[in-house]
């Protein structure tokens, strides 16, 4: 697999595989943010932020024709003792602090939700069991808003588990107090016809640590937009992702890490596998180092494994640096088929070809799955990967 290191090298195409890299982040990462849907024109598909997305499959989320349906989604929260779980109105002061909508769907979601969920982990509380948020689609259209806030020096693991069938647009906020540690596992395991579009905003306090693990398997179309900013120096963000794109699915992950204060770190690693006709994965990795963000240390990597003909990947790492006083910054993107040397090595030791391919894919994903740290979730995801592999490999 050929990689583009540090300075992007344009685009290459091999069969149905497409890899793109661009040298700067268009218009400083996004259109002007706003909570008002009227500030965003209806997209037509030629805009930079929408050019990879099949708008006709958004089921009206992008143009205002998708009306919310009662009972479209059921949400169940399991939280350890000491955690506060609330439903609040849109005028609650805790909403919107981690970030502002940057596209029309996110603004529509903010304008249309009825009640927002707020989960609060108080100062100094260290949880030994995860907070579990189960989101199950019952059909229809839903707009949602969720806030997860950790007080200073609190520690928590949150699992957001999406299943069922629905058309969902949502905003999710993670707010970390100084010295807090939050790990979020967001699983998109929707039924085949579901549509899920969400913006995830994270605000990291001084010396706080944020780890995000995004796992995408199901759905007809999934488009996620994680965004990270820092509220003080010393913050660290690790954004990990795993996606397995099947025939006909569109899975899109668009990330932004905005280094807006000095002496912060970020590390991004997303890995995907694709199989089947018209399977389409999109990964956009944007990192902005502002002029005032001296001492930044950042790196981003996207790797894709194409298992069959007919699948397409668009991978675009973007890095914009406004100061030379940094520790380090770089990115890499790689897309290809099975490594023939790895397969030969395994087959030469008596392992059948089909099993050798499965071992290669398992190893490709194992590094990320093992970082989740929740045993039952890791077992479930490894089993799901195995099921996907049985269909093709």
Protein backbone atom coordinates (compact mmCIF):
# COMPACT_ATOMS: atom_id res chain seq x y z
CA UNK A 1 0.00 0.00 0.00
CA UNK A 2 1.46 3.34 -1.04
CA UNK A 3 1.21 6.10 1.55
CA UNK A 4 1.14 9.88 1.26
CA UNK A 5 3.29 11.21 4.09
CA UNK A 6 3.17 14.73 5.53
CA UNK A 7 2.70 16.58 2.23
CA UNK A 8 -0.21 15.22 0.13
CA UNK A 9 0.65 14.01 -3.36
CA UNK A 10 -2.60 14.43 -5.29
CA UNK A 11 -4.82 11.49 -6.15
CA UNK A 12 -4.43 8.01 -7.58
CA UNK A 13 -6.93 5.58 -9.00
CA UNK A 14 -6.60 1.81 -9.31
CA UNK A 15 -9.66 0.10 -10.72
CA UNK A 16 -12.52 1.05 -8.44
CA UNK A 17 -10.21 2.30 -5.68
CA UNK A 18 -9.81 6.07 -5.40
CA UNK A 19 -7.53 7.82 -2.94
CA UNK A 20 -7.33 11.60 -2.76
CA UNK A 21 -5.14 13.96 -0.76
CA UNK A 22 -5.33 17.75 -0.65
CA UNK A 23 -2.74 20.18 0.62
CA UNK A 24 -4.91 22.66 2.50
CA UNK A 25 -8.22 22.64 4.25
CA UNK A 26 -10.75 24.52 2.14
CA UNK A 27 -11.89 27.78 3.76
CA UNK A 28 -10.44 26.90 7.17
CA UNK A 29 -12.29 23.59 7.47
CA UNK A 30 -15.95 24.56 7.09
CA UNK A 31 -18.64 27.05 6.25
CA UNK A 32 -19.37 29.64 8.97
CA UNK A 33 -21.09 27.79 11.84
CA UNK A 34 -24.60 28.71 12.91
CA UNK A 35 -27.48 27.34 14.97
CA UNK A 36 -29.95 28.73 12.42
CA UNK A 37 -30.83 26.36 9.57
CA UNK A 38 -31.71 29.36 7.39
CA UNK A 39 -28.03 30.34 7.35
CA UNK A 40 -27.21 27.24 5.27
CA UNK A 41 -28.43 26.92 1.68
CA UNK A 42 -29.87 23.60 0.59
CA UNK A 43 -26.86 21.61 -0.70
CA UNK A 44 -26.78 20.56 -4.33
CA UNK A 45 -23.86 18.13 -4.10
CA UNK A 46 -21.16 20.29 -5.66
CA UNK A 47 -20.08 21.89 -2.37
CA UNK A 48 -16.80 20.68 -0.91
CA UNK A 49 -18.49 19.32 2.22
CA UNK A 50 -21.16 17.44 0.25
CA UNK A 51 -19.39 16.33 -2.93
CA UNK A 52 -19.01 12.71 -1.82
CA UNK A 53 -22.47 12.32 -0.26
CA UNK A 54 -25.39 10.91 -2.31
CA UNK A 55 -27.95 13.56 -1.33
CA UNK A 56 -30.92 11.60 -2.68
CA UNK A 57 -30.26 8.95 -0.01
CA UNK A 58 -30.50 11.42 2.89
CA UNK A 59 -34.29 10.99 2.83
CA UNK A 60 -34.94 14.74 3.12
CA UNK A 61 -32.61 15.51 6.05
CA UNK A 62 -30.70 18.03 3.95
CA UNK A 63 -33.59 20.02 2.48
CA UNK A 64 -36.11 20.20 5.32
CA UNK A 65 -38.63 17.75 3.86
CA UNK A 66 -38.03 15.06 6.51
CA UNK A 67 -40.62 15.64 9.27
CA UNK A 68 -40.05 14.14 12.71
CA UNK A 69 -42.12 11.05 13.56
CA UNK A 70 -43.41 10.21 17.03
CA UNK A 71 -41.72 7.14 18.48
CA UNK A 72 -39.11 6.94 15.72
CA UNK A 73 -36.32 6.25 18.21
CA UNK A 74 -36.22 4.87 21.73
CA UNK A 75 -33.33 5.81 24.02
CA UNK A 76 -32.38 3.87 27.16
CA UNK A 77 -29.58 4.97 29.50
CA UNK A 78 -27.81 2.76 32.05
CA UNK A 79 -25.61 4.83 34.35
CA UNK A 80 -23.64 3.97 37.50
CA UNK A 81 -24.44 5.59 40.83
CA UNK A 82 -23.49 9.25 41.05
CA UNK A 83 -24.20 10.04 37.39
CA UNK A 84 -27.04 12.45 36.60
CA UNK A 85 -29.28 11.73 33.60
CA UNK A 86 -31.73 14.45 32.48
CA UNK A 87 -34.04 15.51 29.66
CA UNK A 88 -33.93 19.29 29.19
CA UNK A 89 -35.47 21.97 26.98
CA UNK A 90 -33.52 23.68 24.21
CA UNK A 91 -33.01 26.83 26.31
CA UNK A 92 -30.83 24.93 28.80
CA UNK A 93 -27.50 26.77 29.15
CA UNK A 94 -25.51 23.53 28.84
CA UNK A 95 -26.46 23.04 25.19
CA UNK A 96 -24.23 24.25 22.39
CA UNK A 97 -21.07 24.86 24.41
CA UNK A 98 -18.89 22.28 22.67
CA UNK A 99 -19.54 23.56 19.17
CA UNK A 100 -21.93 24.99 16.62
CA UNK A 101 -23.53 23.22 13.63
CA UNK A 102 -21.37 23.52 10.52
CA UNK A 103 -23.77 22.19 7.89
CA UNK A 104 -27.48 22.28 7.14
CA UNK A 105 -28.32 18.85 8.53
CA UNK A 106 -26.68 19.59 11.88
CA UNK A 107 -28.49 22.94 12.06
CA UNK A 108 -31.78 21.23 11.16
CA UNK A 109 -31.21 18.71 13.96
CA UNK A 110 -30.54 21.51 16.44
CA UNK A 111 -33.66 23.38 15.36
CA UNK A 112 -35.97 20.36 15.40
CA UNK A 113 -35.26 18.30 18.54
CA UNK A 114 -37.88 18.40 21.32
CA UNK A 115 -35.85 17.41 24.38
CA UNK A 116 -32.10 17.07 24.78
CA UNK A 117 -30.42 14.40 26.87
CA UNK A 118 -27.79 15.57 29.37
CA UNK A 119 -25.54 13.10 31.19
CA UNK A 120 -23.32 14.61 33.88
CA UNK A 121 -20.41 12.97 35.70
CA UNK A 122 -19.57 15.20 38.67
CA UNK A 123 -16.16 16.47 39.65
CA UNK A 124 -13.64 13.86 40.87
CA UNK A 125 -15.96 10.88 40.27
CA UNK A 126 -14.08 7.96 38.70
CA UNK A 127 -16.45 5.39 37.20
CA UNK A 128 -15.49 1.72 37.11
CA UNK A 129 -18.44 0.68 34.91
CA UNK A 130 -19.41 2.25 31.58
CA UNK A 131 -22.38 4.51 30.95
CA UNK A 132 -24.48 2.82 28.24
CA UNK A 133 -26.79 4.75 25.93
CA UNK A 134 -28.87 2.47 23.69
CA UNK A 135 -30.49 4.21 20.71
CA UNK A 136 -32.93 1.93 18.87
CA UNK A 137 -34.77 2.95 15.72
CA UNK A 138 -38.45 2.08 15.44
CA UNK A 139 -38.91 3.55 11.95
CA UNK A 140 -39.63 7.13 10.93
CA UNK A 141 -37.59 10.31 11.32
CA UNK A 142 -35.93 11.61 14.48
CA UNK A 143 -33.90 14.69 15.46
CA UNK A 144 -31.80 14.43 18.60
CA UNK A 145 -29.35 16.25 20.85
CA UNK A 146 -27.16 14.64 23.53
CA UNK A 147 -24.68 16.24 25.94
CA UNK A 148 -22.16 14.26 28.00
CA UNK A 149 -20.25 16.39 30.51
CA UNK A 150 -17.44 15.43 32.88
CA UNK A 151 -16.47 17.63 35.78
CA UNK A 152 -12.85 18.33 36.64
CA UNK A 153 -10.77 15.16 37.17
CA UNK A 154 -13.74 12.86 36.56
CA UNK A 155 -13.20 9.67 34.54
CA UNK A 156 -15.77 7.74 32.51
CA UNK A 157 -16.39 5.37 29.60
CA UNK A 158 -19.54 5.95 27.54
CA UNK A 159 -20.98 3.49 25.00
CA UNK A 160 -23.42 4.91 22.42
CA UNK A 161 -25.06 1.95 20.68
CA UNK A 162 -27.23 2.60 17.59
CA UNK A 163 -29.45 -0.21 16.30
CA UNK A 164 -32.75 -0.70 14.46
CA UNK A 165 -34.22 1.24 11.55
CA UNK A 166 -34.70 5.02 11.45
CA UNK A 167 -33.74 8.24 9.70
CA UNK A 168 -31.77 10.19 12.31
CA UNK A 169 -30.05 13.58 12.41
CA UNK A 170 -28.30 14.41 15.66
CA UNK A 171 -25.79 16.57 17.48
CA UNK A 172 -23.69 15.06 20.27
CA UNK A 173 -21.56 17.14 22.63
CA UNK A 174 -18.72 16.00 24.88
CA UNK A 175 -17.53 18.57 27.43
CA UNK A 176 -14.46 17.67 29.50
CA UNK A 177 -13.47 19.63 32.58
CA UNK A 178 -9.84 20.22 33.49
CA UNK A 179 -7.97 16.96 34.05
CA UNK A 180 -10.96 14.80 33.09
CA UNK A 181 -10.66 11.55 31.13
CA UNK A 182 -13.42 10.40 28.79
CA UNK A 183 -13.57 7.41 26.46
CA UNK A 184 -16.52 7.24 24.07
CA UNK A 185 -17.40 4.19 21.97
CA UNK A 186 -19.96 5.07 19.29
CA UNK A 187 -21.34 2.03 17.47
CA UNK A 188 -23.40 2.34 14.28
CA UNK A 189 -24.96 -1.11 13.93
CA UNK A 190 -28.15 -0.05 12.15
CA UNK A 191 -30.42 -2.16 9.98
CA UNK A 192 -29.83 -2.06 6.23
CA UNK A 193 -32.23 0.81 5.40
CA UNK A 194 -31.32 3.24 8.21
CA UNK A 195 -29.90 6.73 7.61
CA UNK A 196 -27.76 8.37 10.31
CA UNK A 197 -26.19 11.83 10.04
CA UNK A 198 -24.53 13.32 13.13
CA UNK A 199 -22.09 16.01 14.23
CA UNK A 200 -20.01 15.15 17.31
CA UNK A 201 -18.50 18.19 19.06
CA UNK A 202 -15.84 17.80 21.75
CA UNK A 203 -14.43 20.53 24.02
CA UNK A 204 -11.35 19.37 25.93
CA UNK A 205 -10.33 21.16 29.11
CA UNK A 206 -6.84 21.88 30.38
CA UNK A 207 -4.80 18.64 30.75
CA UNK A 208 -7.90 16.57 29.92
CA UNK A 209 -7.82 13.38 27.83
CA UNK A 210 -10.41 12.34 25.26
CA UNK A 211 -10.54 9.03 23.39
CA UNK A 212 -13.17 8.35 20.76
CA UNK A 213 -13.72 4.97 19.10
CA UNK A 214 -16.21 5.16 16.23
CA UNK A 215 -17.40 1.81 14.82
CA UNK A 216 -19.62 1.75 11.73
CA UNK A 217 -21.15 -1.41 10.27
CA UNK A 218 -24.82 -0.98 9.44
CA UNK A 219 -27.11 1.47 7.70
CA UNK A 220 -27.83 2.44 4.14
CA UNK A 221 -26.07 5.78 4.68
CA UNK A 222 -24.03 6.90 7.69
CA UNK A 223 -22.33 10.31 7.73
CA UNK A 224 -20.53 11.29 10.94
CA UNK A 225 -18.71 14.55 11.60
CA UNK A 226 -16.50 14.43 14.76
CA UNK A 227 -14.95 17.81 15.71
CA UNK A 228 -12.48 18.57 18.50
CA UNK A 229 -11.43 21.88 20.04
CA UNK A 230 -9.45 22.66 23.20
CA UNK A 231 -10.39 24.88 26.15
CA UNK A 232 -6.88 24.96 27.64
CA UNK A 233 -3.30 23.76 27.13
CA UNK A 234 -2.23 20.18 27.82
CA UNK A 235 -5.30 18.54 26.30
CA UNK A 236 -5.00 15.27 24.40
CA UNK A 237 -7.36 13.73 21.83
CA UNK A 238 -7.19 10.26 20.33
CA UNK A 239 -9.73 9.57 17.58
CA UNK A 240 -9.95 5.95 16.48
CA UNK A 241 -12.33 4.51 13.92
CA UNK A 242 -13.29 1.18 12.37
CA UNK A 243 -15.73 0.70 9.50
CA UNK A 244 -16.79 -2.28 7.38
CA UNK A 245 -18.64 -1.18 4.26
CA UNK A 246 -20.82 -3.70 2.40
CA UNK A 247 -22.39 -3.68 -1.06
CA UNK A 248 -24.46 -0.55 -1.66
CA UNK A 249 -23.60 1.10 1.66
CA UNK A 250 -22.29 4.66 1.94
CA UNK A 251 -20.23 5.31 5.09
CA UNK A 252 -18.65 8.72 5.51
CA UNK A 253 -16.49 10.00 8.35
CA UNK A 254 -15.43 13.66 8.27
CA UNK A 255 -13.12 14.70 11.12
CA UNK A 256 -11.79 18.04 12.29
CA UNK A 257 -9.20 18.59 15.02
CA UNK A 258 -8.81 22.32 15.63
CA UNK A 259 -5.64 23.03 17.59
CA UNK A 260 -6.70 26.43 18.87
CA UNK A 261 -4.57 26.63 22.05
CA UNK A 262 -0.89 25.86 22.75
CA UNK A 263 0.71 22.59 23.81
CA UNK A 264 -2.01 20.07 22.93
CA UNK A 265 -1.84 16.68 21.22
CA UNK A 266 -3.99 14.70 18.81
CA UNK A 267 -3.73 11.32 17.15
CA UNK A 268 -6.18 10.01 14.55
CA UNK A 269 -6.27 6.41 13.27
CA UNK A 270 -9.19 5.16 11.15
CA UNK A 271 -9.25 1.79 9.39
CA UNK A 272 -11.82 0.44 6.98
CA UNK A 273 -12.59 -2.67 4.94
CA UNK A 274 -14.91 -2.74 1.94
CA UNK A 275 -16.62 -5.50 0.00
CA UNK A 276 -19.32 -5.75 -2.64
CA UNK A 277 -20.57 -3.77 -5.60
CA UNK A 278 -21.02 -0.02 -4.97
CA UNK A 279 -19.68 -0.15 -1.42
CA UNK A 280 -18.44 3.40 -0.82
CA UNK A 281 -16.41 4.68 2.13
CA UNK A 282 -15.32 8.30 2.56
CA UNK A 283 -12.79 9.53 5.11
CA UNK A 284 -11.94 13.23 5.41
CA UNK A 285 -9.33 14.06 8.04
CA UNK A 286 -8.91 17.78 8.73
CA UNK A 287 -6.32 19.13 11.16
CA UNK A 288 -5.92 22.86 11.70
CA UNK A 289 -3.02 24.26 13.75
CA UNK A 290 -3.83 27.89 14.46
CA UNK A 291 -1.15 30.56 14.79
CA UNK A 292 -1.56 30.67 18.57
CA UNK A 293 -1.25 26.86 18.97
CA UNK A 294 2.49 26.62 19.54
CA UNK A 295 3.82 23.30 20.79
CA UNK A 296 1.19 21.22 18.95
CA UNK A 297 1.88 17.53 18.31
CA UNK A 298 -0.50 15.86 15.84
CA UNK A 299 -0.72 12.95 13.42
CA UNK A 300 -3.51 11.32 11.40
CA UNK A 301 -3.68 8.02 9.52
CA UNK A 302 -6.32 6.37 7.37
CA UNK A 303 -5.92 2.83 6.00
CA UNK A 304 -8.39 0.95 3.83
CA UNK A 305 -8.50 -2.68 2.75
CA UNK A 306 -10.54 -3.40 -0.39
CA UNK A 307 -11.71 -7.02 -0.35
CA UNK A 308 -13.61 -7.25 -3.67
CA UNK A 309 -14.03 -5.51 -6.98
CA UNK A 310 -16.65 -2.78 -7.26
CA UNK A 311 -15.85 -1.00 -3.98
CA UNK A 312 -14.64 2.61 -3.80
CA UNK A 313 -12.72 4.59 -1.19
CA UNK A 314 -12.19 8.36 -1.07
CA UNK A 315 -9.54 9.26 1.52
CA UNK A 316 -8.59 12.93 1.96
CA UNK A 317 -6.12 13.93 4.71
CA UNK A 318 -5.85 17.69 5.14
CA UNK A 319 -3.32 19.57 7.27
CA UNK A 320 -3.21 23.36 7.66
CA UNK A 321 -0.41 24.85 9.76
CA UNK A 322 -0.34 28.54 10.70
CA UNK A 323 2.72 28.45 12.98
CA UNK A 324 6.15 26.85 12.65
CA UNK A 325 6.57 26.49 16.42
CA UNK A 326 5.22 22.93 16.71
CA UNK A 327 6.46 19.59 18.01
CA UNK A 328 5.29 17.64 14.98
CA UNK A 329 2.54 17.28 12.39
CA UNK A 330 1.89 14.76 9.67
CA UNK A 331 -0.58 12.49 7.97
CA UNK A 332 -0.78 9.35 5.86
CA UNK A 333 -3.39 7.60 3.72
CA UNK A 334 -3.18 4.11 2.27
CA UNK A 335 -5.65 2.01 0.29
CA UNK A 336 -5.08 -1.39 -1.30
CA UNK A 337 -5.92 -5.05 -1.49
CA UNK A 338 -4.51 -7.98 0.49
CA UNK A 339 -0.78 -7.99 1.10
CA UNK A 340 0.45 -10.84 -1.11
CA UNK A 341 3.53 -11.38 1.06
CA UNK A 342 1.41 -11.83 4.20
CA UNK A 343 -0.87 -14.29 2.42
CA UNK A 344 2.09 -16.22 1.02
CA UNK A 345 3.70 -16.40 4.45
CA UNK A 346 0.55 -17.87 6.03
CA UNK A 347 -0.23 -20.25 3.17
CA UNK A 348 3.37 -21.52 3.13
CA UNK A 349 2.76 -22.71 6.68
CA UNK A 350 -0.22 -24.80 5.73
CA UNK A 351 -3.04 -22.29 6.34
CA UNK A 352 -5.73 -22.46 3.62
CA UNK A 353 -6.14 -19.33 1.48
CA UNK A 354 -9.58 -18.38 2.84
CA UNK A 355 -8.45 -18.67 6.45
CA UNK A 356 -5.26 -16.76 5.66
CA UNK A 357 -7.33 -13.85 4.31
CA UNK A 358 -9.50 -13.86 7.43
CA UNK A 359 -6.41 -13.75 9.62
CA UNK A 360 -5.06 -10.75 7.71
CA UNK A 361 -8.32 -8.81 8.14
CA UNK A 362 -8.64 -9.74 11.82
CA UNK A 363 -5.13 -8.50 12.43
CA UNK A 364 -5.88 -5.32 10.46
CA UNK A 365 -8.69 -4.41 12.89
CA UNK A 366 -7.43 -6.01 16.11
CA UNK A 367 -5.27 -3.04 17.13
CA UNK A 368 -8.29 -0.74 17.28
CA UNK A 369 -10.80 -3.18 18.79
CA UNK A 370 -8.46 -3.99 21.67
CA UNK A 371 -8.31 -0.31 22.66
CA UNK A 372 -12.03 -0.15 23.46
CA UNK A 373 -11.56 -1.58 26.93
CA UNK A 374 -15.13 -2.92 27.35
CA UNK A 375 -14.99 -6.71 27.13
CA UNK A 376 -18.51 -7.44 25.91
CA UNK A 377 -18.29 -4.73 23.25
CA UNK A 378 -14.94 -6.03 22.00
CA UNK A 379 -16.33 -9.57 21.78
CA UNK A 380 -19.42 -8.38 19.93
CA UNK A 381 -17.42 -6.39 17.39
CA UNK A 382 -14.97 -9.21 16.71
CA UNK A 383 -17.93 -11.54 16.15
CA UNK A 384 -19.50 -9.00 13.75
CA UNK A 385 -16.24 -8.72 11.81
CA UNK A 386 -16.15 -12.51 11.53
CA UNK A 387 -19.72 -12.54 10.21
CA UNK A 388 -18.83 -9.95 7.59
CA UNK A 389 -15.80 -11.95 6.51
CA UNK A 390 -17.81 -15.15 6.10
CA UNK A 391 -19.84 -13.40 3.39
CA UNK A 392 -16.85 -12.78 1.15
CA UNK A 393 -13.44 -13.96 2.26
